[in-house]
């Protein structure tokens, strides 16, 4: 006699909930409609946040409305909005509305982009967006790569390929204990990547904070292990000052010496869209790899960085992961493109799709115009600083970072000024260091940041 089959109730976590959906989408509509986006504050006292969160996660669960109310009133307001046009510190972000909305589609659809077998549609669309970036850099047909979480992940993945393919480029001359040439201005993630990879850095002194071909040549000739340098990293727009290295000079030496040439353009290479500054990137067409972060100046949501290789098959030989359960992902089909083969990751979110959607909907001309708008306001800002008696422009901006000093101020005065700006919701501007001195720094990125906003901010320094 057979047993009685009992109906089982579905787990409510996986059942569509109309009220919960409406609650979340209403918040998203409200947030998307904010114009302008407020700065909010960030840096709240840990004790107050911990007190608000106490007991929220419990065995029985908490009403969604209560959770959203807490998030809206106490958690979200303790995060400085990097998409506010008054966020002018670090490197801001300003995702397009199309990109933000499609990021919701990616999340709601549980889209991942690990392999061609699992996610051919997502991978094909991401590759179309990568193709736009490769074309802007002047790379040949066949260039490609994948989207990773950020510039740090991109730099690490590219330098791993540089290390592991040295013998391919240098033959019997490939060193057992290689070095990689980097400048004094290289992003901190480059040094961290070399540490992870167990590769030493050859530090090249900069001329006016810019890595040049001449300086690289001198460093290689003057170092007892100069012939053991397998790669060089140049920067396409330094984070602190927006300075573009001598890409043509550095790239020529890299080619001559069979060194891997990588450009960290996490912030600055977005300006490849802008005809007004495109000549400053001459030489980027020589790269073996480069990184640019769409979640910075290409108006995509966090977290999204594009890693592009001249010859992707070299990266594939390094990064493809071998395991019995993964054998099915790999075939000889010419259309196969597994993003997991081009960086150190395996499972990955289809994080390039919001950029792809926004590029397709808005068109590349809109991106060009947005970047050019920021560049123009940056030059106006520099002109304004030069006109104000109490301020001094440190250098003319190459991209969209303005460094300046307030005559007579020390670090404490800059920090007090910065804190008051945020308290008054006028701007988020933190100081930086330049040649050992505390100075002011404005990082422009949002096309809606106006010269009137800048004037308001600088007037508080009088």
Protein backbone atom coordinates (compact mmCIF):
# COMPACT_ATOMS: atom_id res chain seq x y z
CA UNK A 1 0.00 0.00 0.00
CA UNK A 2 1.51 3.35 -1.05
CA UNK A 3 1.99 6.19 1.34
CA UNK A 4 -0.08 9.35 1.24
CA UNK A 5 1.55 12.22 -0.61
CA UNK A 6 1.36 15.49 1.25
CA UNK A 7 1.25 18.83 -0.51
CA UNK A 8 4.14 21.02 0.45
CA UNK A 9 3.88 24.76 0.76
CA UNK A 10 6.27 26.83 -1.29
CA UNK A 11 8.86 28.86 0.52
CA UNK A 12 7.40 32.38 0.65
CA UNK A 13 10.79 33.92 -0.16
CA UNK A 14 10.38 32.72 -3.75
CA UNK A 15 6.73 33.69 -4.32
CA UNK A 16 5.91 36.89 -6.20
CA UNK A 17 4.66 39.52 -3.75
CA UNK A 18 2.74 42.38 -5.36
CA UNK A 19 2.89 44.61 -2.29
CA UNK A 20 6.64 44.14 -1.87
CA UNK A 21 7.17 44.79 -5.57
CA UNK A 22 5.17 48.00 -5.44
CA UNK A 23 7.02 49.13 -2.32
CA UNK A 24 10.42 48.71 -3.98
CA UNK A 25 9.48 50.06 -7.40
CA UNK A 26 7.83 53.12 -5.86
CA UNK A 27 11.08 53.86 -4.02
CA UNK A 28 13.07 53.37 -7.23
CA UNK A 29 10.77 55.73 -9.17
CA UNK A 30 11.14 58.35 -6.45
CA UNK A 31 14.93 58.00 -6.38
CA UNK A 32 15.27 58.12 -10.17
CA UNK A 33 13.12 61.26 -10.33
CA UNK A 34 15.24 63.27 -7.87
CA UNK A 35 16.48 66.37 -9.66
CA UNK A 36 18.98 67.29 -8.50
CA UNK A 37 20.17 64.33 -6.47
CA UNK A 38 20.90 65.54 -2.91
CA UNK A 39 24.35 65.00 -1.47
CA UNK A 40 23.24 63.49 1.85
CA UNK A 41 25.84 63.03 4.51
CA UNK A 42 27.68 59.75 5.06
CA UNK A 43 29.99 59.16 7.98
CA UNK A 44 27.20 58.77 10.55
CA UNK A 45 28.07 57.70 14.06
CA UNK A 46 28.50 53.92 14.19
CA UNK A 47 26.63 53.73 17.48
CA UNK A 48 23.46 55.28 16.06
CA UNK A 49 23.50 53.04 12.99
CA UNK A 50 24.07 49.93 15.06
CA UNK A 51 21.23 50.93 17.37
CA UNK A 52 18.88 51.41 14.41
CA UNK A 53 19.80 48.03 12.95
CA UNK A 54 19.61 46.13 16.21
CA UNK A 55 17.14 43.26 16.00
CA UNK A 56 16.22 43.93 12.38
CA UNK A 57 17.49 40.53 11.28
CA UNK A 58 15.77 37.92 13.41
CA UNK A 59 14.32 34.41 13.10
CA UNK A 60 10.81 35.57 12.15
CA UNK A 61 11.69 38.35 9.72
CA UNK A 62 10.67 42.03 9.80
CA UNK A 63 7.89 43.79 7.93
CA UNK A 64 9.25 45.07 4.61
CA UNK A 65 7.73 48.52 5.08
CA UNK A 66 9.56 48.95 8.35
CA UNK A 67 12.83 47.82 6.75
CA UNK A 68 12.41 50.22 3.82
CA UNK A 69 11.50 53.08 6.14
CA UNK A 70 14.70 52.48 8.10
CA UNK A 71 16.73 52.28 4.90
CA UNK A 72 15.22 55.46 3.47
CA UNK A 73 15.44 57.57 6.59
CA UNK A 74 18.63 56.38 8.28
CA UNK A 75 20.80 54.23 6.03
CA UNK A 76 20.51 55.87 2.62
CA UNK A 77 21.00 59.33 4.11
CA UNK A 78 24.24 58.11 5.70
CA UNK A 79 25.71 57.57 2.23
CA UNK A 80 27.06 60.52 0.26
CA UNK A 81 25.40 60.39 -3.16
CA UNK A 82 28.20 60.03 -5.67
CA UNK A 83 25.75 60.78 -8.49
CA UNK A 84 25.03 64.26 -7.15
CA UNK A 85 26.44 67.03 -9.36
CA UNK A 86 27.89 68.47 -6.13
CA UNK A 87 29.96 65.33 -5.43
CA UNK A 88 33.43 66.52 -6.47
CA UNK A 89 35.76 64.25 -4.49
CA UNK A 90 37.68 61.08 -5.31
CA UNK A 91 36.20 60.06 -8.70
CA UNK A 92 32.41 60.57 -8.74
CA UNK A 93 29.83 58.55 -10.66
CA UNK A 94 26.84 59.70 -12.68
CA UNK A 95 24.93 56.75 -14.17
CA UNK A 96 22.48 57.55 -16.94
CA UNK A 97 18.83 56.85 -16.21
CA UNK A 98 18.86 54.18 -18.92
CA UNK A 99 21.83 52.43 -17.32
CA UNK A 100 20.26 52.52 -13.85
CA UNK A 101 16.98 51.13 -15.11
CA UNK A 102 18.63 48.34 -17.04
CA UNK A 103 20.70 47.45 -14.00
CA UNK A 104 17.36 46.65 -12.40
CA UNK A 105 16.57 44.36 -15.35
CA UNK A 106 19.88 42.57 -14.89
CA UNK A 107 19.11 42.05 -11.19
CA UNK A 108 15.47 41.05 -11.64
CA UNK A 109 16.41 38.56 -14.36
CA UNK A 110 19.26 37.05 -12.33
CA UNK A 111 21.46 37.54 -15.36
CA UNK A 112 24.98 36.27 -15.08
CA UNK A 113 27.67 36.29 -17.73
CA UNK A 114 30.13 33.55 -16.98
CA UNK A 115 30.13 31.53 -20.19
CA UNK A 116 28.79 31.44 -23.72
CA UNK A 117 26.92 28.21 -22.97
CA UNK A 118 25.00 29.76 -20.09
CA UNK A 119 24.65 33.39 -21.21
CA UNK A 120 25.33 33.85 -24.92
CA UNK A 121 22.87 36.74 -25.22
CA UNK A 122 24.36 38.70 -22.37
CA UNK A 123 27.92 38.00 -23.50
CA UNK A 124 27.22 39.06 -27.08
CA UNK A 125 25.76 42.38 -25.91
CA UNK A 126 28.65 43.01 -23.51
CA UNK A 127 31.11 42.28 -26.30
CA UNK A 128 29.40 44.86 -28.51
CA UNK A 129 30.03 47.49 -25.83
CA UNK A 130 33.64 46.33 -25.44
CA UNK A 131 34.02 46.68 -29.20
CA UNK A 132 33.08 50.36 -28.99
CA UNK A 133 35.85 50.92 -26.43
CA UNK A 134 38.41 48.92 -28.41
CA UNK A 135 37.61 50.92 -31.54
CA UNK A 136 38.02 54.22 -29.67
CA UNK A 137 41.49 53.06 -28.61
CA UNK A 138 42.38 52.14 -32.18
CA UNK A 139 42.91 48.46 -31.47
CA UNK A 140 42.74 45.97 -34.36
CA UNK A 141 39.82 43.74 -35.18
CA UNK A 142 39.70 40.82 -32.80
CA UNK A 143 40.53 42.82 -29.69
CA UNK A 144 38.29 42.04 -26.75
CA UNK A 145 38.05 41.06 -23.13
CA UNK A 146 35.45 41.22 -20.43
CA UNK A 147 33.90 43.39 -17.75
CA UNK A 148 35.27 43.05 -14.23
CA UNK A 149 34.39 44.69 -10.93
CA UNK A 150 36.81 47.62 -11.10
CA UNK A 151 40.19 48.92 -12.17
CA UNK A 152 41.94 46.98 -9.42
CA UNK A 153 40.59 43.68 -10.74
CA UNK A 154 41.38 44.72 -14.31
CA UNK A 155 44.96 45.69 -13.53
CA UNK A 156 45.58 42.47 -11.62
CA UNK A 157 44.15 40.31 -14.42
CA UNK A 158 46.09 42.11 -17.16
CA UNK A 159 49.38 41.98 -15.28
CA UNK A 160 48.89 38.28 -14.62
CA UNK A 161 48.77 37.80 -18.39
CA UNK A 162 51.84 40.01 -18.79
CA UNK A 163 53.75 37.84 -16.30
CA UNK A 164 52.66 34.48 -17.64
CA UNK A 165 53.21 35.28 -21.34
CA UNK A 166 56.67 36.83 -20.99
CA UNK A 167 58.29 33.75 -22.52
CA UNK A 168 55.93 34.03 -25.51
CA UNK A 169 57.26 37.54 -26.20
CA UNK A 170 60.84 37.28 -25.02
CA UNK A 171 61.73 33.68 -25.75
CA UNK A 172 64.79 32.35 -23.96
CA UNK A 173 65.47 35.87 -22.68
CA UNK A 174 62.44 35.81 -20.39
CA UNK A 175 63.65 36.31 -16.80
CA UNK A 176 63.01 33.90 -13.96
CA UNK A 177 62.37 36.76 -11.53
CA UNK A 178 60.72 39.47 -13.64
CA UNK A 179 60.15 43.14 -12.92
CA UNK A 180 57.41 45.47 -14.11
CA UNK A 181 58.10 49.16 -14.71
CA UNK A 182 55.64 51.55 -13.10
CA UNK A 183 55.71 55.27 -12.45
CA UNK A 184 55.66 57.12 -9.17
CA UNK A 185 52.13 58.23 -10.08
CA UNK A 186 50.73 54.77 -10.81
CA UNK A 187 47.50 53.96 -9.00
CA UNK A 188 47.95 52.09 -5.74
CA UNK A 189 46.14 49.08 -7.20
CA UNK A 190 49.02 48.50 -9.60
CA UNK A 191 51.52 48.06 -6.79
CA UNK A 192 49.06 45.83 -4.93
CA UNK A 193 48.59 43.69 -8.04
CA UNK A 194 52.33 43.19 -8.40
CA UNK A 195 52.54 42.20 -4.75
CA UNK A 196 49.81 39.60 -5.23
CA UNK A 197 51.57 38.28 -8.34
CA UNK A 198 54.94 38.10 -6.62
CA UNK A 199 56.52 40.46 -9.14
CA UNK A 200 58.87 43.29 -8.22
CA UNK A 201 58.34 46.86 -9.41
CA UNK A 202 60.93 49.02 -11.08
CA UNK A 203 59.90 52.52 -10.05
CA UNK A 204 60.43 55.06 -12.82
CA UNK A 205 60.83 58.71 -11.75
CA UNK A 206 58.32 61.04 -13.37
CA UNK A 207 58.93 64.30 -15.16
CA UNK A 208 56.30 66.77 -13.92
CA UNK A 209 54.26 63.84 -12.58
CA UNK A 210 54.14 62.22 -16.04
CA UNK A 211 55.75 58.99 -17.15
CA UNK A 212 57.65 59.57 -20.39
CA UNK A 213 59.38 57.32 -22.86
CA UNK A 214 62.68 59.05 -22.13
CA UNK A 215 62.35 58.46 -18.39
CA UNK A 216 61.46 54.81 -18.96
CA UNK A 217 64.45 54.35 -21.25
CA UNK A 218 66.79 55.94 -18.72
CA UNK A 219 65.43 53.78 -15.91
CA UNK A 220 65.85 50.59 -17.91
CA UNK A 221 69.37 51.51 -19.01
CA UNK A 222 70.41 52.57 -15.53
CA UNK A 223 69.07 49.61 -13.57
CA UNK A 224 71.22 46.48 -13.17
CA UNK A 225 68.15 44.35 -13.92
CA UNK A 226 66.72 46.52 -16.66
CA UNK A 227 66.72 43.62 -19.11
CA UNK A 228 64.47 41.66 -16.73
CA UNK A 229 61.56 44.09 -17.07
CA UNK A 230 58.73 42.24 -18.80
CA UNK A 231 56.03 44.91 -18.77
CA UNK A 232 55.32 48.59 -18.24
CA UNK A 233 52.18 50.24 -16.86
CA UNK A 234 51.27 53.74 -18.02
CA UNK A 235 48.34 55.80 -16.83
CA UNK A 236 45.65 57.30 -19.00
CA UNK A 237 44.63 60.00 -16.56
CA UNK A 238 46.01 59.86 -13.02
CA UNK A 239 43.43 59.81 -10.26
CA UNK A 240 44.91 62.68 -8.28
CA UNK A 241 45.46 65.16 -11.10
CA UNK A 242 44.14 63.69 -14.36
CA UNK A 243 47.56 63.58 -16.03
CA UNK A 244 48.01 61.42 -19.14
CA UNK A 245 51.35 59.70 -19.53
CA UNK A 246 53.46 59.76 -22.70
CA UNK A 247 51.65 56.76 -24.13
CA UNK A 248 53.33 56.96 -27.53
CA UNK A 249 56.84 57.16 -26.10
CA UNK A 250 56.28 54.45 -23.50
CA UNK A 251 54.53 52.21 -26.00
CA UNK A 252 57.35 52.49 -28.52
CA UNK A 253 59.93 51.38 -25.97
CA UNK A 254 57.69 48.54 -24.83
CA UNK A 255 57.41 47.29 -28.39
CA UNK A 256 61.14 47.60 -28.99
CA UNK A 257 61.94 45.56 -25.89
CA UNK A 258 59.10 43.02 -26.26
CA UNK A 259 57.54 44.26 -23.02
CA UNK A 260 53.82 44.02 -22.30
CA UNK A 261 52.29 47.50 -22.49
CA UNK A 262 49.33 48.06 -20.16
CA UNK A 263 47.44 51.33 -19.70
CA UNK A 264 45.46 51.95 -16.55
CA UNK A 265 42.81 54.32 -17.82
CA UNK A 266 40.22 53.51 -15.17
CA UNK A 267 39.15 57.14 -14.90
CA UNK A 268 40.68 59.00 -17.81
CA UNK A 269 40.25 56.73 -20.81
CA UNK A 270 36.57 57.66 -20.94
CA UNK A 271 37.86 60.85 -22.59
CA UNK A 272 38.65 58.79 -25.69
CA UNK A 273 35.09 59.77 -26.59
CA UNK A 274 36.08 63.47 -26.67
CA UNK A 275 37.68 64.77 -29.90
CA UNK A 276 39.02 67.82 -28.03
CA UNK A 277 41.47 65.71 -26.00
CA UNK A 278 41.79 62.54 -28.08
CA UNK A 279 45.31 63.47 -29.34
CA UNK A 280 46.57 63.34 -25.76
CA UNK A 281 45.96 59.61 -25.86
CA UNK A 282 48.06 59.02 -28.97
CA UNK A 283 49.94 55.77 -28.44
CA UNK A 284 47.11 53.92 -26.75
CA UNK A 285 46.72 51.99 -29.99
CA UNK A 286 50.02 50.27 -29.08
CA UNK A 287 48.71 48.68 -25.88
CA UNK A 288 48.55 44.99 -25.15
CA UNK A 289 45.81 45.72 -22.63
CA UNK A 290 43.96 48.62 -21.07
CA UNK A 291 41.34 49.24 -18.43
CA UNK A 292 38.58 51.84 -18.30
CA UNK A 293 35.83 51.96 -15.67
CA UNK A 294 32.38 52.75 -17.09
CA UNK A 295 31.18 53.25 -13.51
CA UNK A 296 33.28 56.39 -13.50
CA UNK A 297 33.16 58.72 -16.51
CA UNK A 298 31.12 56.48 -18.82
CA UNK A 299 27.99 56.88 -16.74
CA UNK A 300 27.30 53.27 -15.74
CA UNK A 301 26.32 51.94 -12.30
CA UNK A 302 28.79 50.35 -9.90
CA UNK A 303 30.56 47.99 -10.30
CA UNK A 304 31.80 47.93 -13.88
CA UNK A 305 35.27 48.03 -15.44
CA UNK A 306 36.15 47.12 -19.00
CA UNK A 307 39.34 45.10 -19.52
CA UNK A 308 40.39 44.96 -23.17
CA UNK A 309 43.23 42.95 -24.72
CA UNK A 310 44.87 43.39 -28.13
CA UNK A 311 45.21 39.60 -28.41
CA UNK A 312 42.58 38.00 -26.21
CA UNK A 313 43.84 34.48 -26.92
CA UNK A 314 46.87 35.24 -24.75
CA UNK A 315 44.61 36.09 -21.81
CA UNK A 316 42.51 33.02 -22.46
CA UNK A 317 45.59 30.79 -22.23
CA UNK A 318 46.35 32.28 -18.81
CA UNK A 319 42.93 32.66 -17.22
CA UNK A 320 40.93 29.65 -18.42
CA UNK A 321 40.10 27.52 -15.41
CA UNK A 322 40.37 23.76 -15.80
CA UNK A 323 38.09 21.48 -13.82
CA UNK A 324 36.06 18.41 -14.70
CA UNK A 325 32.75 20.19 -14.23
CA UNK A 326 33.91 23.09 -16.44
CA UNK A 327 35.00 20.98 -19.43
CA UNK A 328 31.55 21.31 -20.96
CA UNK A 329 32.00 25.11 -21.26
CA UNK A 330 34.92 24.82 -23.65
CA UNK A 331 34.66 23.88 -27.30
CA UNK A 332 36.31 24.74 -30.60
CA UNK A 333 33.30 26.73 -31.80
CA UNK A 334 34.55 30.05 -33.22
CA UNK A 335 31.70 32.02 -31.62
CA UNK A 336 32.46 30.76 -28.11
CA UNK A 337 33.45 33.59 -25.79
CA UNK A 338 33.61 32.89 -22.10
CA UNK A 339 34.22 36.03 -20.02
CA UNK A 340 35.58 33.73 -17.32
CA UNK A 341 38.57 33.14 -19.64
CA UNK A 342 39.77 36.75 -19.63
CA UNK A 343 40.22 37.64 -15.95
CA UNK A 344 40.85 35.90 -12.66
CA UNK A 345 37.14 35.51 -11.93
CA UNK A 346 34.80 32.63 -12.74
CA UNK A 347 31.16 33.32 -11.86
CA UNK A 348 30.36 36.91 -12.70
CA UNK A 349 27.44 39.28 -12.97
CA UNK A 350 26.59 40.54 -16.46
CA UNK A 351 27.76 43.95 -15.27
CA UNK A 352 28.43 45.32 -18.75
CA UNK A 353 24.79 45.20 -19.83
CA UNK A 354 23.71 48.55 -18.29
CA UNK A 355 26.48 50.29 -20.27
CA UNK A 356 25.48 48.40 -23.41
CA UNK A 357 21.83 49.39 -23.00
CA UNK A 358 22.65 53.03 -22.36
CA UNK A 359 25.02 53.22 -25.35
CA UNK A 360 22.38 51.64 -27.57
CA UNK A 361 19.54 53.88 -26.34
CA UNK A 362 21.42 57.18 -26.11
CA UNK A 363 24.00 56.78 -28.88
CA UNK A 364 27.71 57.43 -28.78
CA UNK A 365 27.26 61.10 -29.75
CA UNK A 366 25.47 61.69 -26.44
CA UNK A 367 28.45 60.20 -24.61
CA UNK A 368 30.81 62.42 -26.58
CA UNK A 369 28.74 65.49 -25.73
CA UNK A 370 28.54 64.59 -22.03
CA UNK A 371 32.31 64.16 -21.71
CA UNK A 372 32.98 67.34 -23.68
CA UNK A 373 30.59 69.27 -21.41
CA UNK A 374 32.56 68.19 -18.36
CA UNK A 375 35.87 69.10 -20.02
CA UNK A 376 34.56 72.57 -20.88
CA UNK A 377 33.30 73.26 -17.33
CA UNK A 378 36.66 72.06 -15.99
CA UNK A 379 38.51 74.67 -18.06
CA UNK A 380 36.02 77.34 -16.89
CA UNK A 381 36.74 76.25 -13.32
CA UNK A 382 40.48 76.64 -13.86
CA UNK A 383 39.91 80.12 -15.31
CA UNK A 384 37.80 81.02 -12.28
CA UNK A 385 40.49 79.88 -9.85
CA UNK A 386 43.08 81.97 -11.68
CA UNK A 387 40.88 85.06 -11.32
CA UNK A 388 40.38 84.72 -7.56
CA UNK A 389 43.06 86.46 -5.51
CA UNK A 390 42.88 84.10 -2.55
CA UNK A 391 43.31 80.98 -4.69
CA UNK A 392 46.14 79.66 -6.84
CA UNK A 393 45.83 77.16 -9.69
CA UNK A 394 48.48 74.48 -9.33
CA UNK A 395 48.40 73.33 -12.97
CA UNK A 396 46.08 73.58 -15.95
CA UNK A 397 43.86 70.51 -16.01
CA UNK A 398 44.39 67.99 -18.80
CA UNK A 399 41.11 66.21 -18.14
CA UNK A 400 38.57 66.99 -15.42
CA UNK A 401 40.54 67.36 -12.18
CA UNK A 402 41.39 70.83 -10.86
CA UNK A 403 44.14 71.18 -8.25
CA UNK A 404 44.38 74.50 -6.41
CA UNK A 405 45.55 75.98 -3.17
CA UNK A 406 43.94 78.43 -0.78
CA UNK A 407 46.75 80.77 0.14
CA UNK A 408 47.70 80.50 3.81
CA UNK A 409 45.72 77.35 4.61
CA UNK A 410 47.03 74.17 6.20
CA UNK A 411 45.50 70.68 6.32
CA UNK A 412 43.28 71.44 9.30
CA UNK A 413 41.73 74.47 7.58
CA UNK A 414 41.01 72.47 4.42
CA UNK A 415 39.38 69.74 6.46
CA UNK A 416 37.22 72.17 8.45
CA UNK A 417 36.15 73.81 5.21
CA UNK A 418 35.36 70.42 3.65
CA UNK A 419 33.26 69.32 6.63
CA UNK A 420 31.24 72.55 6.61
CA UNK A 421 30.61 72.28 2.87
CA UNK A 422 29.04 68.88 3.39
CA UNK A 423 27.14 69.96 6.51
CA UNK A 424 25.64 72.81 4.50
CA UNK A 425 24.99 70.48 1.53
CA UNK A 426 26.89 72.84 -0.78
CA UNK A 427 29.38 70.28 -1.98
CA UNK A 428 31.44 67.21 -1.18
CA UNK A 429 35.06 68.30 -1.66
CA UNK A 430 37.89 66.70 0.30
CA UNK A 431 41.51 67.89 0.18
CA UNK A 432 44.40 65.94 -1.29
CA UNK A 433 48.19 66.12 -1.17
CA UNK A 434 50.42 67.51 -3.89
CA UNK A 435 54.19 67.38 -3.54
CA UNK A 436 53.82 67.06 0.23
CA UNK A 437 51.38 69.97 0.57
CA UNK A 438 47.67 69.86 1.40
CA UNK A 439 45.67 71.38 -1.44
CA UNK A 440 42.14 71.59 -2.78
CA UNK A 441 40.92 69.20 -5.46
CA UNK A 442 37.79 69.29 -7.59
CA UNK A 443 37.02 66.13 -9.58
CA UNK A 444 34.38 66.95 -12.17
CA UNK A 445 32.48 64.16 -13.88
CA UNK A 446 28.74 64.89 -13.85
CA UNK A 447 27.55 66.82 -16.92
CA UNK A 448 25.06 68.65 -14.67
CA UNK A 449 27.81 70.19 -12.53
CA UNK A 450 27.66 73.87 -13.47
CA UNK A 451 30.12 76.71 -13.13
CA UNK A 452 27.57 78.38 -10.82
CA UNK A 453 27.92 75.44 -8.42
CA UNK A 454 31.68 75.75 -8.55
CA UNK A 455 31.49 79.49 -7.88
CA UNK A 456 29.28 78.81 -4.85
CA UNK A 457 31.77 76.27 -3.50
CA UNK A 458 34.86 78.44 -4.03
CA UNK A 459 33.13 81.51 -2.53
CA UNK A 460 33.11 79.71 0.82
CA UNK A 461 36.92 79.85 0.87
CA UNK A 462 37.10 83.65 0.82
